[in-house]
Protein backbone atom coordinates (compact mmCIF):
# COMPACT_ATOMS: atom_id res chain seq x y z
CA MET A 1 135.42 -140.71 -80.41
CA LEU A 2 137.25 -137.56 -81.51
CA GLU A 3 134.09 -136.19 -83.07
CA LYS A 4 132.17 -136.79 -79.85
CA LEU A 5 134.92 -135.16 -77.80
CA PHE A 6 135.67 -132.10 -79.96
CA HIS A 7 132.53 -131.69 -82.13
CA VAL A 8 134.74 -130.98 -85.14
CA THR A 9 132.01 -131.33 -87.78
CA GLN A 10 129.46 -129.50 -85.66
CA LYS A 11 131.80 -126.51 -85.45
CA GLY A 12 132.24 -126.44 -89.23
CA SER A 13 135.70 -127.94 -89.48
CA ASP A 14 137.32 -131.27 -90.38
CA PHE A 15 140.18 -133.37 -89.02
CA ARG A 16 142.68 -132.40 -91.72
CA THR A 17 142.07 -128.68 -91.14
CA GLU A 18 142.42 -129.07 -87.37
CA LEU A 19 145.72 -130.93 -87.68
CA LEU A 20 147.08 -128.37 -90.15
CA ALA A 21 146.04 -125.57 -87.78
CA GLY A 22 147.85 -127.33 -84.94
CA LEU A 23 151.01 -127.60 -87.03
CA THR A 24 150.77 -123.91 -87.97
CA THR A 25 150.42 -122.86 -84.34
CA PHE A 26 153.42 -124.97 -83.36
CA MET A 27 155.56 -123.44 -86.11
CA THR A 28 154.71 -119.91 -84.98
CA MET A 29 155.59 -120.49 -81.32
CA ALA A 30 158.35 -123.14 -81.42
CA TYR A 31 160.90 -120.35 -81.00
CA ILE A 32 160.10 -120.34 -77.26
CA LEU A 33 162.00 -123.63 -76.90
CA MET A 34 165.29 -121.98 -77.84
CA VAL A 35 164.61 -118.54 -76.38
CA ASN A 36 163.48 -119.77 -72.96
CA SER A 37 166.32 -122.29 -72.67
CA GLY A 38 168.96 -119.71 -73.58
CA MET A 39 167.55 -117.22 -71.08
CA PHE A 40 167.47 -119.66 -68.15
CA ALA A 41 170.93 -121.00 -69.00
CA GLU A 42 172.34 -117.66 -67.77
CA LEU A 43 171.48 -118.70 -64.21
CA PRO A 44 174.14 -120.54 -62.18
CA GLY A 45 173.71 -124.30 -62.16
CA VAL A 46 170.87 -124.31 -64.69
CA SER A 47 171.26 -126.49 -67.78
CA TYR A 48 170.12 -125.41 -71.27
CA TYR A 49 169.02 -128.97 -72.02
CA ALA A 50 167.03 -129.28 -68.78
CA ILE A 51 165.08 -126.09 -69.45
CA TYR A 52 164.51 -127.13 -73.07
CA ILE A 53 162.74 -130.28 -71.87
CA ALA A 54 160.91 -128.35 -69.12
CA THR A 55 159.70 -125.79 -71.66
CA ALA A 56 158.53 -128.39 -74.17
CA LEU A 57 156.85 -130.59 -71.55
CA SER A 58 155.01 -127.77 -69.77
CA ALA A 59 153.90 -126.37 -73.15
CA ALA A 60 152.58 -129.77 -74.16
CA ILE A 61 150.70 -130.21 -70.87
CA GLY A 62 149.17 -126.73 -70.96
CA THR A 63 148.21 -126.93 -74.63
CA ILE A 64 146.65 -130.39 -74.35
CA LEU A 65 144.78 -129.28 -71.21
CA ILE A 66 143.24 -126.25 -72.88
CA GLY A 67 142.21 -128.44 -75.81
CA LEU A 68 140.58 -131.05 -73.59
CA LEU A 69 139.02 -128.78 -70.97
CA ALA A 70 137.93 -125.80 -73.08
CA ASN A 71 137.82 -127.29 -76.61
CA ILE A 72 139.34 -124.19 -78.18
CA PRO A 73 142.29 -124.07 -80.63
CA LEU A 74 144.76 -122.23 -78.39
CA ALA A 75 148.23 -123.17 -77.16
CA GLN A 76 150.31 -122.45 -74.07
CA ALA A 77 153.99 -122.23 -73.21
CA SER A 78 156.38 -120.35 -70.92
CA ALA A 79 155.25 -116.73 -71.14
CA MET A 80 157.56 -114.18 -72.70
CA GLY A 81 158.10 -111.44 -70.16
CA SER A 82 157.50 -113.61 -67.12
CA ASN A 83 160.58 -115.65 -68.06
CA ALA A 84 162.69 -112.49 -68.32
CA PHE A 85 161.28 -111.23 -65.01
CA PHE A 86 162.11 -114.61 -63.43
CA VAL A 87 165.71 -114.69 -64.65
CA TYR A 88 166.88 -111.08 -64.69
CA THR A 89 164.87 -109.57 -61.84
CA VAL A 90 163.89 -112.25 -59.34
CA CYS A 91 167.10 -114.33 -59.59
CA LEU A 92 169.86 -112.04 -60.85
CA GLY A 93 168.32 -108.88 -59.38
CA PHE A 94 166.67 -109.80 -56.07
CA GLY A 95 169.14 -112.59 -55.38
CA LEU A 96 166.76 -115.53 -55.06
CA SER A 97 168.00 -118.88 -56.29
CA TYR A 98 166.50 -120.62 -59.31
CA ALA A 99 164.67 -123.05 -57.02
CA ASN A 100 163.43 -120.21 -54.76
CA ALA A 101 161.98 -118.39 -57.75
CA LEU A 102 160.13 -121.55 -58.80
CA VAL A 103 158.26 -121.35 -55.48
CA LEU A 104 156.85 -117.99 -56.58
CA ILE A 105 155.67 -119.56 -59.84
CA LEU A 106 154.07 -122.38 -57.86
CA LEU A 107 152.29 -119.85 -55.64
CA ASP A 108 151.20 -117.93 -58.73
CA GLY A 109 149.67 -121.06 -60.23
CA ILE A 110 147.92 -122.11 -57.01
CA ALA A 111 146.56 -118.59 -56.50
CA PHE A 112 145.36 -118.53 -60.11
CA ILE A 113 143.52 -121.83 -59.60
CA ILE A 114 141.85 -120.53 -56.42
CA LEU A 115 140.89 -117.23 -58.05
CA THR A 116 139.42 -119.03 -61.05
CA VAL A 117 137.50 -121.67 -59.11
CA THR A 118 136.08 -119.19 -56.57
CA GLY A 119 135.31 -116.46 -59.09
CA LEU A 120 137.58 -113.96 -57.29
CA ARG A 121 139.57 -113.54 -60.51
CA ARG A 122 137.00 -111.04 -61.79
CA LYS A 123 137.26 -108.95 -58.59
CA ILE A 124 141.06 -108.80 -58.87
CA PHE A 125 140.71 -107.93 -62.53
CA GLU A 126 138.36 -105.05 -61.72
CA ALA A 127 140.64 -103.79 -58.93
CA ILE A 128 143.42 -102.93 -61.37
CA PRO A 129 142.92 -99.52 -63.04
CA THR A 130 142.00 -99.86 -66.71
CA ALA A 131 144.96 -97.77 -67.87
CA VAL A 132 147.40 -99.96 -65.95
CA ARG A 133 145.67 -103.15 -67.11
CA LEU A 134 145.91 -102.12 -70.74
CA THR A 135 149.54 -101.06 -70.52
CA ILE A 136 151.02 -104.04 -68.67
CA PRO A 137 151.59 -106.08 -71.88
CA ALA A 138 153.31 -103.11 -73.54
CA GLY A 139 155.59 -102.57 -70.54
CA VAL A 140 156.47 -106.26 -70.60
CA GLY A 141 157.11 -105.93 -74.34
CA LEU A 142 159.56 -103.07 -73.84
CA PHE A 143 161.25 -105.07 -71.10
CA ILE A 144 161.67 -108.07 -73.41
CA ALA A 145 162.88 -105.93 -76.31
CA PHE A 146 165.41 -104.17 -74.07
CA ILE A 147 166.79 -107.52 -72.95
CA GLY A 148 166.99 -108.62 -76.59
CA LEU A 149 168.91 -105.47 -77.53
CA GLN A 150 171.34 -106.06 -74.67
CA ASN A 151 171.79 -109.76 -75.38
CA ALA A 152 172.52 -108.92 -79.00
CA GLY A 153 175.17 -106.39 -77.94
CA ILE A 154 173.36 -103.50 -79.65
CA VAL A 155 172.76 -101.66 -76.37
CA VAL A 156 175.76 -101.69 -74.02
CA ALA A 157 176.62 -100.28 -70.59
CA ASP A 158 178.00 -96.75 -70.31
CA SER A 159 179.55 -95.15 -67.23
CA GLU A 160 177.92 -91.75 -67.82
CA THR A 161 174.55 -92.44 -69.43
CA PHE A 162 174.19 -96.02 -68.10
CA VAL A 163 173.40 -97.38 -71.58
CA THR A 164 174.47 -96.45 -75.08
CA LEU A 165 174.67 -97.83 -78.62
CA THR A 166 177.56 -100.16 -79.34
CA SER A 167 180.25 -99.09 -81.79
CA PHE A 168 180.04 -100.22 -85.42
CA ASN A 169 183.27 -98.40 -86.33
CA LEU A 170 185.20 -101.10 -88.15
CA LEU A 171 187.14 -98.60 -90.26
CA PHE A 172 189.18 -97.01 -87.48
CA GLY A 173 189.55 -99.90 -85.07
CA SER A 174 187.12 -99.02 -82.28
CA ALA A 175 185.04 -102.09 -83.15
CA VAL A 176 186.10 -105.58 -84.18
CA TRP A 177 184.42 -107.85 -86.72
CA SER A 178 183.97 -110.72 -84.25
CA ASP A 179 181.73 -108.44 -82.14
CA VAL A 180 179.92 -106.70 -84.98
CA MET A 181 179.10 -109.83 -87.00
CA PRO A 182 176.59 -111.29 -84.48
CA ILE A 183 174.94 -107.88 -84.12
CA LEU A 184 174.45 -107.62 -87.87
CA ILE A 185 172.91 -111.09 -87.85
CA THR A 186 170.43 -109.98 -85.14
CA LEU A 187 169.42 -107.00 -87.27
CA ALA A 188 169.19 -109.18 -90.39
CA VAL A 189 167.01 -111.75 -88.59
CA LEU A 190 164.73 -109.03 -87.19
CA THR A 191 164.32 -107.58 -90.69
CA ALA A 192 163.72 -111.02 -92.20
CA ILE A 193 161.03 -111.82 -89.61
CA ALA A 194 159.28 -108.53 -90.36
CA VAL A 195 159.43 -109.10 -94.13
CA MET A 196 158.18 -112.68 -93.88
CA THR A 197 155.35 -111.55 -91.61
CA CYS A 198 154.37 -108.87 -94.13
CA ARG A 199 154.30 -111.55 -96.82
CA GLY A 200 152.12 -113.82 -94.69
CA VAL A 201 154.73 -116.53 -94.10
CA ARG A 202 153.68 -118.85 -91.28
CA GLY A 203 156.26 -119.40 -88.56
CA ALA A 204 158.22 -116.28 -89.53
CA VAL A 205 159.95 -116.07 -86.13
CA LEU A 206 161.04 -119.70 -86.25
CA TRP A 207 162.28 -119.44 -89.86
CA GLY A 208 164.12 -116.23 -88.99
CA ILE A 209 165.90 -117.92 -86.07
CA LEU A 210 166.87 -120.93 -88.20
CA GLY A 211 168.08 -118.71 -91.06
CA GLY A 212 170.08 -116.55 -88.65
CA THR A 213 171.68 -119.67 -87.16
CA ILE A 214 172.82 -120.88 -90.58
CA LEU A 215 174.15 -117.43 -91.47
CA TYR A 216 176.00 -117.21 -88.15
CA TYR A 217 177.93 -120.43 -88.76
CA LEU A 218 178.60 -119.55 -92.39
CA LEU A 219 180.09 -116.18 -91.42
CA GLY A 220 182.12 -117.92 -88.74
CA ILE A 221 184.61 -118.65 -91.53
CA THR A 222 185.56 -114.95 -91.45
CA ILE A 223 186.61 -115.07 -87.78
CA PRO A 224 189.94 -116.77 -86.89
CA GLY A 225 189.51 -119.57 -84.36
CA PHE A 226 185.72 -119.53 -84.62
CA TYR A 227 185.50 -123.29 -85.13
CA THR A 228 188.11 -124.21 -82.52
CA ASN A 229 186.60 -126.85 -80.23
CA PHE A 230 183.33 -126.44 -82.13
CA GLY A 231 180.81 -128.97 -80.88
CA ALA A 232 183.04 -130.18 -78.04
CA ALA A 233 180.27 -129.56 -75.51
CA LEU A 234 177.52 -130.75 -77.86
CA ASN A 235 175.81 -133.97 -76.82
CA LEU A 236 174.15 -135.59 -79.82
CA ASN A 237 172.23 -138.01 -77.65
CA PRO A 238 168.70 -136.54 -77.28
CA LEU A 239 168.06 -138.63 -74.18
CA ALA A 240 170.86 -136.84 -72.32
CA ALA A 241 168.60 -133.79 -72.09
CA PHE A 242 166.03 -135.86 -70.21
CA ALA A 243 168.74 -136.88 -67.73
CA ASP A 244 169.61 -133.20 -67.17
CA PHE A 245 165.95 -132.40 -66.75
CA GLY A 246 165.53 -135.08 -64.11
CA THR A 247 168.55 -134.02 -62.06
CA SER A 248 168.59 -130.21 -62.34
CA ALA A 249 165.04 -129.01 -63.06
CA PHE A 250 162.21 -131.42 -62.33
CA GLY A 251 160.98 -131.16 -58.74
CA ARG A 252 163.61 -128.66 -57.56
CA VAL A 253 160.82 -126.40 -56.41
CA PHE A 254 160.15 -128.97 -53.66
CA THR A 255 163.65 -130.29 -52.93
CA GLU A 256 165.40 -126.89 -52.73
CA GLY A 257 162.84 -124.15 -53.36
CA PHE A 258 161.67 -123.60 -49.79
CA ASP A 259 165.21 -123.14 -48.45
CA PHE A 260 165.63 -119.34 -48.39
CA SER A 261 168.64 -119.37 -46.06
CA SER A 262 170.93 -117.83 -48.68
CA TYR A 263 168.60 -114.86 -49.18
CA LEU A 264 167.98 -114.49 -45.44
CA ALA A 265 171.73 -114.19 -44.83
CA ASP A 266 171.47 -110.58 -46.07
CA HIS A 267 167.77 -109.83 -45.48
CA ASN A 268 165.28 -110.12 -42.66
CA PRO A 269 162.18 -112.39 -42.71
CA ALA A 270 159.81 -109.42 -43.18
CA GLU A 271 161.61 -108.44 -46.38
CA LEU A 272 161.42 -112.02 -47.63
CA ALA A 273 157.69 -112.31 -46.86
CA LEU A 274 156.90 -109.07 -48.66
CA LEU A 275 159.13 -109.98 -51.59
CA ILE A 276 157.36 -113.33 -51.97
CA GLY A 277 153.92 -111.75 -51.66
CA THR A 278 154.38 -108.86 -54.08
CA THR A 279 156.45 -110.78 -56.64
CA ALA A 280 154.04 -113.72 -56.71
CA LEU A 281 151.24 -111.16 -57.08
CA ALA A 282 153.05 -109.54 -60.00
CA PHE A 283 153.49 -112.93 -61.70
CA CYS A 284 149.80 -113.68 -61.12
CA LEU A 285 148.59 -110.31 -62.44
CA VAL A 286 150.72 -110.49 -65.58
CA ASP A 287 149.63 -114.09 -66.15
CA MET A 288 145.97 -113.18 -65.67
CA PHE A 289 145.93 -110.17 -67.97
CA ASP A 290 148.08 -111.90 -70.57
CA THR A 291 145.78 -114.92 -70.61
CA ILE A 292 142.54 -112.95 -70.70
CA GLY A 293 143.84 -110.66 -73.43
CA THR A 294 145.12 -113.57 -75.50
CA LEU A 295 141.92 -115.58 -75.13
CA TYR A 296 139.75 -112.69 -76.25
CA GLY A 297 142.13 -111.52 -78.98
CA ALA A 298 142.73 -114.92 -80.55
CA CYS A 299 139.09 -116.03 -80.40
CA ALA A 300 137.88 -112.69 -81.80
CA ARG A 301 140.24 -113.00 -84.78
CA GLY A 302 138.86 -116.44 -85.55
CA ASN A 303 135.22 -115.46 -85.00
CA LEU A 304 135.02 -117.99 -82.16
CA LEU A 305 133.43 -115.75 -79.53
CA THR A 306 129.95 -116.58 -78.27
CA PRO A 307 126.96 -114.43 -79.36
CA GLU A 308 127.42 -112.55 -76.06
CA GLY A 309 131.01 -111.70 -77.03
CA GLU A 310 132.57 -114.08 -74.52
CA VAL A 311 135.33 -116.68 -74.94
CA PRO A 312 133.84 -120.20 -75.13
CA ASN A 313 134.44 -122.11 -71.89
CA MET A 314 136.35 -119.13 -70.48
CA GLU A 315 136.61 -120.46 -66.92
CA ARG A 316 137.86 -123.84 -68.12
CA ALA A 317 140.47 -122.14 -70.31
CA MET A 318 141.66 -120.07 -67.33
CA LEU A 319 141.78 -123.20 -65.18
CA ALA A 320 143.90 -124.98 -67.81
CA ASP A 321 146.27 -122.00 -67.77
CA ALA A 322 146.55 -122.07 -63.98
CA ILE A 323 147.16 -125.82 -63.83
CA ALA A 324 149.80 -125.48 -66.56
CA THR A 325 151.62 -122.86 -64.48
CA VAL A 326 151.74 -125.24 -61.50
CA CYS A 327 153.07 -127.97 -63.83
CA GLY A 328 155.63 -125.49 -65.19
CA ALA A 329 156.90 -124.80 -61.66
CA VAL A 330 157.24 -128.52 -61.00
CA CYS A 331 159.03 -129.01 -64.34
CA GLY A 332 161.37 -126.10 -63.63
CA THR A 333 160.24 -123.22 -65.81
CA SER A 334 158.39 -119.92 -65.39
CA THR A 335 154.72 -119.02 -65.80
CA VAL A 336 152.92 -120.94 -68.55
CA SER A 337 150.38 -118.83 -70.41
CA SER A 338 148.30 -118.76 -73.58
CA TYR A 339 150.07 -117.62 -76.75
CA VAL A 340 148.60 -115.13 -79.20
CA GLU A 341 150.55 -116.95 -81.93
CA ALA A 342 147.71 -119.48 -81.86
CA SER A 343 145.86 -116.91 -83.98
CA ALA A 344 147.91 -118.23 -86.91
CA GLY A 345 146.42 -121.68 -86.42
CA ILE A 346 142.94 -120.20 -86.06
CA ALA A 347 143.50 -118.32 -89.33
CA GLU A 348 144.26 -121.69 -90.95
CA GLY A 349 140.78 -122.85 -89.95
CA GLY A 350 141.30 -124.32 -86.48
CA LYS A 351 138.07 -124.20 -84.50
CA THR A 352 138.33 -126.91 -81.84
CA GLY A 353 140.59 -128.34 -79.18
CA LEU A 354 141.79 -130.98 -81.62
CA SER A 355 144.20 -128.46 -83.13
CA ALA A 356 145.51 -127.75 -79.61
CA ILE A 357 146.05 -131.49 -79.09
CA ALA A 358 148.05 -131.57 -82.34
CA THR A 359 150.20 -128.64 -81.19
CA GLY A 360 150.77 -130.28 -77.81
CA GLY A 361 151.79 -133.52 -79.52
CA LEU A 362 154.37 -131.64 -81.59
CA PHE A 363 155.84 -130.11 -78.42
CA LEU A 364 156.24 -133.63 -77.04
CA LEU A 365 158.00 -134.67 -80.24
CA ALA A 366 160.23 -131.57 -80.10
CA MET A 367 161.73 -132.80 -76.82
CA PHE A 368 163.91 -135.18 -78.84
CA PHE A 369 165.53 -132.37 -80.87
CA SER A 370 167.40 -130.62 -78.06
CA PRO A 371 170.88 -131.20 -79.61
CA VAL A 372 169.84 -129.25 -82.71
CA ALA A 373 168.23 -126.49 -80.67
CA SER A 374 171.37 -126.00 -78.57
CA LEU A 375 173.25 -124.86 -81.69
CA VAL A 376 171.08 -121.74 -82.03
CA PRO A 377 173.20 -118.65 -81.13
CA SER A 378 171.95 -115.85 -78.91
CA CYS A 379 172.19 -113.36 -81.77
CA ALA A 380 169.35 -115.25 -83.50
CA THR A 381 167.12 -115.59 -80.42
CA SER A 382 167.75 -111.94 -79.50
CA ALA A 383 165.98 -110.91 -82.69
CA ALA A 384 162.96 -112.97 -81.60
CA LEU A 385 162.92 -111.17 -78.24
CA ILE A 386 162.94 -107.79 -79.93
CA TYR A 387 160.21 -108.78 -82.39
CA VAL A 388 157.92 -110.24 -79.70
CA GLY A 389 158.42 -107.01 -77.73
CA ILE A 390 157.25 -105.05 -80.76
CA LEU A 391 154.10 -107.17 -81.09
CA MET A 392 153.18 -106.51 -77.45
CA MET A 393 153.00 -102.74 -77.98
CA ASP A 394 149.65 -103.02 -79.74
CA CYS A 395 147.62 -102.42 -76.57
CA THR A 396 148.85 -98.83 -76.14
CA LYS A 397 146.51 -97.63 -78.90
CA ARG A 398 143.60 -98.16 -76.52
CA ILE A 399 144.95 -95.59 -74.04
CA ASN A 400 143.54 -92.07 -74.22
CA TRP A 401 146.85 -90.23 -74.02
CA GLN A 402 145.04 -86.88 -73.93
CA ASN A 403 143.46 -87.81 -70.60
CA THR A 404 145.97 -87.21 -67.80
CA GLN A 405 144.10 -89.53 -65.46
CA GLU A 406 144.86 -92.39 -67.87
CA ALA A 407 148.12 -91.19 -69.39
CA VAL A 408 150.24 -90.82 -66.23
CA PRO A 409 149.58 -94.31 -64.73
CA ALA A 410 149.83 -95.86 -68.20
CA PHE A 411 153.15 -94.19 -68.95
CA LEU A 412 154.66 -95.06 -65.58
CA THR A 413 153.60 -98.69 -65.98
CA LEU A 414 155.07 -98.72 -69.47
CA ALA A 415 158.35 -96.96 -68.68
CA ILE A 416 159.29 -98.26 -65.23
CA MET A 417 159.35 -101.94 -66.25
CA PRO A 418 162.28 -101.76 -68.73
CA MET A 419 164.06 -98.94 -66.89
CA THR A 420 164.18 -100.86 -63.60
CA TYR A 421 164.30 -104.40 -65.03
CA ASN A 422 161.26 -105.14 -62.90
CA ILE A 423 157.68 -105.86 -63.96
CA SER A 424 156.28 -105.55 -60.44
CA TYR A 425 157.74 -102.05 -60.05
CA GLY A 426 155.94 -100.94 -63.21
CA ILE A 427 152.62 -102.30 -61.96
CA ALA A 428 153.24 -100.70 -58.55
CA PHE A 429 153.99 -97.23 -59.97
CA GLY A 430 150.95 -97.43 -62.23
CA ILE A 431 148.53 -98.38 -59.41
CA ILE A 432 149.96 -96.01 -56.80
CA SER A 433 149.98 -93.06 -59.22
CA HIS A 434 146.36 -93.83 -60.17
CA ILE A 435 145.34 -93.80 -56.50
CA LEU A 436 147.13 -90.50 -55.82
CA ILE A 437 145.65 -88.80 -58.88
CA MET A 438 142.13 -89.97 -58.05
CA VAL A 439 142.39 -88.93 -54.38
CA PHE A 440 143.79 -85.44 -54.99
CA ALA A 441 141.43 -84.88 -57.93
CA GLY A 442 138.55 -85.43 -55.54
CA LYS A 443 137.57 -88.82 -56.98
CA GLY A 444 138.82 -91.05 -54.18
CA LYS A 445 135.35 -92.47 -53.54
CA GLU A 446 135.39 -93.99 -57.04
CA LEU A 447 138.34 -96.23 -56.17
CA ASN A 448 137.76 -99.95 -55.82
CA ALA A 449 138.51 -101.38 -52.35
CA GLY A 450 140.75 -103.98 -53.97
CA THR A 451 142.74 -101.18 -55.60
CA TRP A 452 143.52 -99.76 -52.16
CA VAL A 453 144.65 -103.17 -50.90
CA ILE A 454 146.95 -103.86 -53.86
CA GLY A 455 148.30 -100.31 -53.78
CA GLY A 456 149.01 -100.67 -50.06
CA LEU A 457 150.93 -103.90 -50.59
CA PHE A 458 153.15 -102.35 -53.24
CA THR A 459 153.71 -99.22 -51.10
CA LEU A 460 154.78 -101.43 -48.20
CA MET A 461 157.15 -103.25 -50.56
CA PHE A 462 158.92 -99.98 -51.38
CA LEU A 463 159.13 -98.99 -47.71
CA VAL A 464 160.72 -102.14 -46.34
CA THR A 465 162.80 -103.51 -49.25
CA HIS A 466 165.71 -102.10 -51.17
């Protein structure tokens, strides 16, 4: 039955290889369970355990879907970058509630399904200037890395320059060991991940997080009172996380999400409508480009592209991604997207959707390990954020920085995202600057009609919101 479904032998693989590839992929991306949960737990009324289950369940659904529908060895989970945008910009920045923000994810997923089924996805894709399209992942990467540096305490607020480097001055009393110790662990974990990656160790990010966690609790001996009330809030019953998930995450997009009364207390309906439209568009654009880039990149590395250079079953893979995002919204987490870490599984020989099924099964199994995951400190997950941000900078090499027409929109897209804590602002500046340059350079007729529409929406957003 499995052979008939996945054509394992026909594609030059075997069941053992596919299962090993699935395990490898899971090991390389399991860090998202801890990172995503820790990030969402900063929101009021949101439980770490609930988001852990939501992350694992949505990852399992998306990964199994892409295996069944597209028969390719990829995996999906809550997208890095979109989760930070959700928490720090949409909720903590714009002032929407957790449930309100889930509505935007739901709209993103529904729009993605419609665009994929109708074929409009390609028109939207072509409407975004190439320079902006190429730079979006890098801007998101800088955004993630900046958040990681802040969460680790390496970059701190400053009244004059807004941000500065934290003090490491232990000798003369301006810094204390209890603050410096976690920072040193973040730097040690980041270095360890880099070294393990250089040595070809599979799951380097996960091993780095686990090693940093052990080191953190070992060095806790050096801090007075570190172990006071240690574990008091820890629930060793893995089923308790499912209870949290059922009461505080699952379905909140429907029970509370469409009540925007809190936001409307300080804003007018026009502002809300534009915020929903442009922010959902930003989520959709990032999701689309991230998915397309990952599908092409991962399949190219594993020599899985068709003779025409296309991703096998591309439309089905995109549909699986869109459905997974809708499921993610219902479960209570941000955009679900394909992960480039699946390249590790492909490198192990994975060629079919069977390896994706194996990865999805491991995510289901991981749901029962939430008590262990909750022990991971932020100093360890911060290193993962920084490292993932580094990996996402790769796309900038494709920008012709000597060409002003490309360089200015690309740079603005890249820089505005981390500097404003807002992915949509980066996309907006990139598109609007591209339009202005093309018009005043006498090339306005070359602009795509869709580019004008998207640029107009973002311009309107700046004019009527604050």
